[in-house]
Amino acid sequence: MQCELVERAQRGDAEAFEALVNESGHRLYAIAYRILRDGERAQDAVQQAFLLAWRELPRLRDADRFSPWLYRL
């Protein structure tokens, strides 16, 4: 399911990307919070990561690697 969403989002489907954001957002926030130890900075970092992900998503070669790729952003 996630692979299909990634492929759709890579083609510019904003609804598919929104589903990926909803699916990954809590985990990404938890990682950012553990690193930054500040809720507002963690929210900013997550927002920046998702903005970068939207721009760079067409370059992702393996849709199955979306989550690890996103966490590195």
N, C-alpha and C. Protein backbone atom coordinates (compact mmCIF):
# COMPACT_ATOMS: atom_id res chain seq x y z
N MET A 1 0.82 -1.19 0.00
CA MET A 1 0.00 0.00 0.00
C MET A 1 0.86 1.26 0.00
N GLN A 2 1.88 1.33 0.88
CA GLN A 2 2.72 2.51 0.94
C GLN A 2 3.47 2.70 -0.38
N CYS A 3 3.92 1.63 -0.97
CA CYS A 3 4.64 1.71 -2.23
C CYS A 3 3.77 2.34 -3.31
N GLU A 4 2.52 1.96 -3.35
CA GLU A 4 1.58 2.53 -4.32
C GLU A 4 1.39 4.03 -4.07
N LEU A 5 1.26 4.41 -2.81
CA LEU A 5 1.12 5.83 -2.48
C LEU A 5 2.35 6.62 -2.89
N VAL A 6 3.52 6.05 -2.65
CA VAL A 6 4.76 6.72 -3.02
C VAL A 6 4.81 6.92 -4.53
N GLU A 7 4.49 5.89 -5.28
CA GLU A 7 4.53 5.99 -6.73
C GLU A 7 3.54 7.04 -7.24
N ARG A 8 2.36 7.08 -6.65
CA ARG A 8 1.38 8.10 -7.04
C ARG A 8 1.88 9.49 -6.69
N ALA A 9 2.44 9.63 -5.50
CA ALA A 9 2.97 10.93 -5.07
C ALA A 9 4.13 11.37 -5.96
N GLN A 10 4.93 10.43 -6.40
CA GLN A 10 6.03 10.76 -7.31
C GLN A 10 5.52 11.35 -8.62
N ARG A 11 4.33 10.98 -9.00
CA ARG A 11 3.71 11.50 -10.23
C ARG A 11 2.94 12.80 -9.96
N GLY A 12 3.03 13.33 -8.73
CA GLY A 12 2.41 14.60 -8.41
C GLY A 12 1.06 14.53 -7.74
N ASP A 13 0.65 13.36 -7.30
CA ASP A 13 -0.65 13.18 -6.64
C ASP A 13 -0.55 13.70 -5.20
N ALA A 14 -1.11 14.89 -4.96
CA ALA A 14 -1.04 15.52 -3.64
C ALA A 14 -1.81 14.73 -2.59
N GLU A 15 -2.90 14.10 -2.96
CA GLU A 15 -3.67 13.30 -2.00
C GLU A 15 -2.87 12.09 -1.53
N ALA A 16 -2.13 11.47 -2.43
CA ALA A 16 -1.29 10.34 -2.05
C ALA A 16 -0.19 10.81 -1.09
N PHE A 17 0.40 11.98 -1.38
CA PHE A 17 1.44 12.50 -0.50
C PHE A 17 0.85 12.84 0.87
N GLU A 18 -0.36 13.39 0.89
CA GLU A 18 -1.02 13.68 2.16
C GLU A 18 -1.22 12.41 2.98
N ALA A 19 -1.58 11.32 2.31
CA ALA A 19 -1.74 10.05 3.01
C ALA A 19 -0.40 9.58 3.58
N LEU A 20 0.68 9.79 2.85
CA LEU A 20 2.01 9.43 3.35
C LEU A 20 2.39 10.29 4.56
N VAL A 21 2.05 11.57 4.50
CA VAL A 21 2.33 12.47 5.62
C VAL A 21 1.56 12.01 6.85
N ASN A 22 0.28 11.70 6.67
CA ASN A 22 -0.53 11.23 7.80
C ASN A 22 -0.01 9.92 8.36
N GLU A 23 0.49 9.08 7.50
CA GLU A 23 1.00 7.77 7.91
C GLU A 23 2.34 7.88 8.62
N SER A 24 3.18 8.83 8.21
CA SER A 24 4.56 8.92 8.71
C SER A 24 4.79 10.03 9.72
N GLY A 25 3.85 10.95 9.82
CA GLY A 25 4.07 12.16 10.61
C GLY A 25 4.39 11.93 12.07
N HIS A 26 3.66 11.05 12.73
CA HIS A 26 3.88 10.84 14.17
C HIS A 26 5.26 10.24 14.43
N ARG A 27 5.64 9.28 13.61
CA ARG A 27 6.95 8.64 13.79
C ARG A 27 8.07 9.65 13.52
N LEU A 28 7.91 10.44 12.47
CA LEU A 28 8.93 11.43 12.14
C LEU A 28 9.04 12.48 13.25
N TYR A 29 7.92 12.90 13.81
CA TYR A 29 7.94 13.85 14.91
C TYR A 29 8.65 13.24 16.13
N ALA A 30 8.38 11.99 16.41
CA ALA A 30 9.02 11.34 17.56
C ALA A 30 10.53 11.31 17.40
N ILE A 31 11.00 11.03 16.21
CA ILE A 31 12.44 11.02 15.94
C ILE A 31 13.01 12.42 16.11
N ALA A 32 12.35 13.42 15.52
CA ALA A 32 12.83 14.81 15.61
C ALA A 32 12.83 15.29 17.07
N TYR A 33 11.80 14.91 17.82
CA TYR A 33 11.73 15.35 19.21
C TYR A 33 12.87 14.73 20.04
N ARG A 34 13.16 13.46 19.78
CA ARG A 34 14.26 12.81 20.51
C ARG A 34 15.59 13.49 20.22
N ILE A 35 15.76 13.96 19.02
CA ILE A 35 17.01 14.62 18.65
C ILE A 35 17.05 16.05 19.18
N LEU A 36 15.97 16.79 19.01
CA LEU A 36 15.97 18.22 19.31
C LEU A 36 15.53 18.57 20.74
N ARG A 37 14.75 17.70 21.36
CA ARG A 37 14.26 17.90 22.73
C ARG A 37 13.45 19.19 22.89
N ASP A 38 12.75 19.57 21.83
CA ASP A 38 11.92 20.76 21.87
C ASP A 38 10.77 20.56 20.88
N GLY A 39 9.55 20.68 21.37
CA GLY A 39 8.39 20.39 20.55
C GLY A 39 8.25 21.28 19.33
N GLU A 40 8.45 22.58 19.50
CA GLU A 40 8.31 23.50 18.38
C GLU A 40 9.39 23.29 17.33
N ARG A 41 10.62 23.08 17.78
CA ARG A 41 11.70 22.82 16.83
C ARG A 41 11.48 21.50 16.12
N ALA A 42 10.95 20.51 16.82
CA ALA A 42 10.66 19.22 16.19
C ALA A 42 9.58 19.37 15.13
N GLN A 43 8.53 20.15 15.43
CA GLN A 43 7.48 20.40 14.43
C GLN A 43 8.05 21.11 13.21
N ASP A 44 8.91 22.09 13.42
CA ASP A 44 9.54 22.80 12.31
C ASP A 44 10.40 21.85 11.47
N ALA A 45 11.14 20.98 12.14
CA ALA A 45 11.99 20.03 11.43
C ALA A 45 11.16 19.06 10.60
N VAL A 46 10.05 18.61 11.14
CA VAL A 46 9.17 17.69 10.41
C VAL A 46 8.58 18.40 9.20
N GLN A 47 8.15 19.63 9.38
CA GLN A 47 7.60 20.39 8.26
C GLN A 47 8.65 20.57 7.16
N GLN A 48 9.85 20.91 7.55
CA GLN A 48 10.93 21.07 6.58
C GLN A 48 11.21 19.75 5.84
N ALA A 49 11.20 18.65 6.59
CA ALA A 49 11.44 17.34 5.98
C ALA A 49 10.36 17.00 4.96
N PHE A 50 9.12 17.28 5.29
CA PHE A 50 8.05 16.99 4.34
C PHE A 50 8.10 17.90 3.11
N LEU A 51 8.46 19.15 3.28
CA LEU A 51 8.62 20.04 2.13
C LEU A 51 9.73 19.55 1.22
N LEU A 52 10.85 19.15 1.81
CA LEU A 52 11.96 18.61 1.04
C LEU A 52 11.57 17.30 0.37
N ALA A 53 10.83 16.48 1.09
CA ALA A 53 10.39 15.19 0.53
C ALA A 53 9.51 15.41 -0.70
N TRP A 54 8.60 16.36 -0.63
CA TRP A 54 7.71 16.64 -1.77
C TRP A 54 8.51 17.06 -3.00
N ARG A 55 9.53 17.90 -2.77
CA ARG A 55 10.37 18.35 -3.89
C ARG A 55 11.25 17.25 -4.45
N GLU A 56 11.79 16.42 -3.56
CA GLU A 56 12.77 15.42 -3.97
C GLU A 56 12.17 14.05 -4.29
N LEU A 57 10.91 13.86 -3.99
CA LEU A 57 10.28 12.54 -4.16
C LEU A 57 10.42 11.96 -5.57
N PRO A 58 10.33 12.75 -6.62
CA PRO A 58 10.49 12.16 -7.96
C PRO A 58 11.86 11.51 -8.17
N ARG A 59 12.85 11.89 -7.36
CA ARG A 59 14.20 11.33 -7.50
C ARG A 59 14.40 10.03 -6.71
N LEU A 60 13.46 9.71 -5.85
CA LEU A 60 13.56 8.47 -5.06
C LEU A 60 13.48 7.29 -6.01
N ARG A 61 14.49 6.45 -6.01
CA ARG A 61 14.55 5.35 -6.97
C ARG A 61 13.75 4.13 -6.56
N ASP A 62 13.69 3.86 -5.27
CA ASP A 62 13.03 2.65 -4.78
C ASP A 62 11.90 3.05 -3.83
N ALA A 63 10.67 2.93 -4.29
CA ALA A 63 9.51 3.33 -3.49
C ALA A 63 9.42 2.56 -2.18
N ASP A 64 9.97 1.35 -2.14
CA ASP A 64 9.96 0.55 -0.91
C ASP A 64 10.84 1.15 0.18
N ARG A 65 11.75 2.04 -0.20
CA ARG A 65 12.68 2.65 0.75
C ARG A 65 12.23 4.04 1.20
N PHE A 66 10.95 4.36 0.99
CA PHE A 66 10.46 5.70 1.32
C PHE A 66 10.69 6.06 2.78
N SER A 67 10.29 5.21 3.70
CA SER A 67 10.41 5.54 5.13
C SER A 67 11.85 5.82 5.55
N PRO A 68 12.81 4.94 5.25
CA PRO A 68 14.18 5.25 5.65
C PRO A 68 14.71 6.52 4.98
N TRP A 69 14.32 6.72 3.71
CA TRP A 69 14.71 7.92 2.99
C TRP A 69 14.17 9.16 3.69
N LEU A 70 12.90 9.12 4.06
CA LEU A 70 12.26 10.25 4.72
C LEU A 70 12.91 10.53 6.06
N TYR A 71 13.21 9.50 6.83
CA TYR A 71 13.82 9.71 8.15
C TYR A 71 15.21 10.34 8.04
N ARG A 72 15.91 10.08 6.95
CA ARG A 72 17.23 10.69 6.76
C ARG A 72 17.11 12.18 6.44
N LEU A 73 16.00 12.58 5.86
CA LEU A 73 15.82 14.01 5.53
C LEU A 73 15.76 14.82 6.81
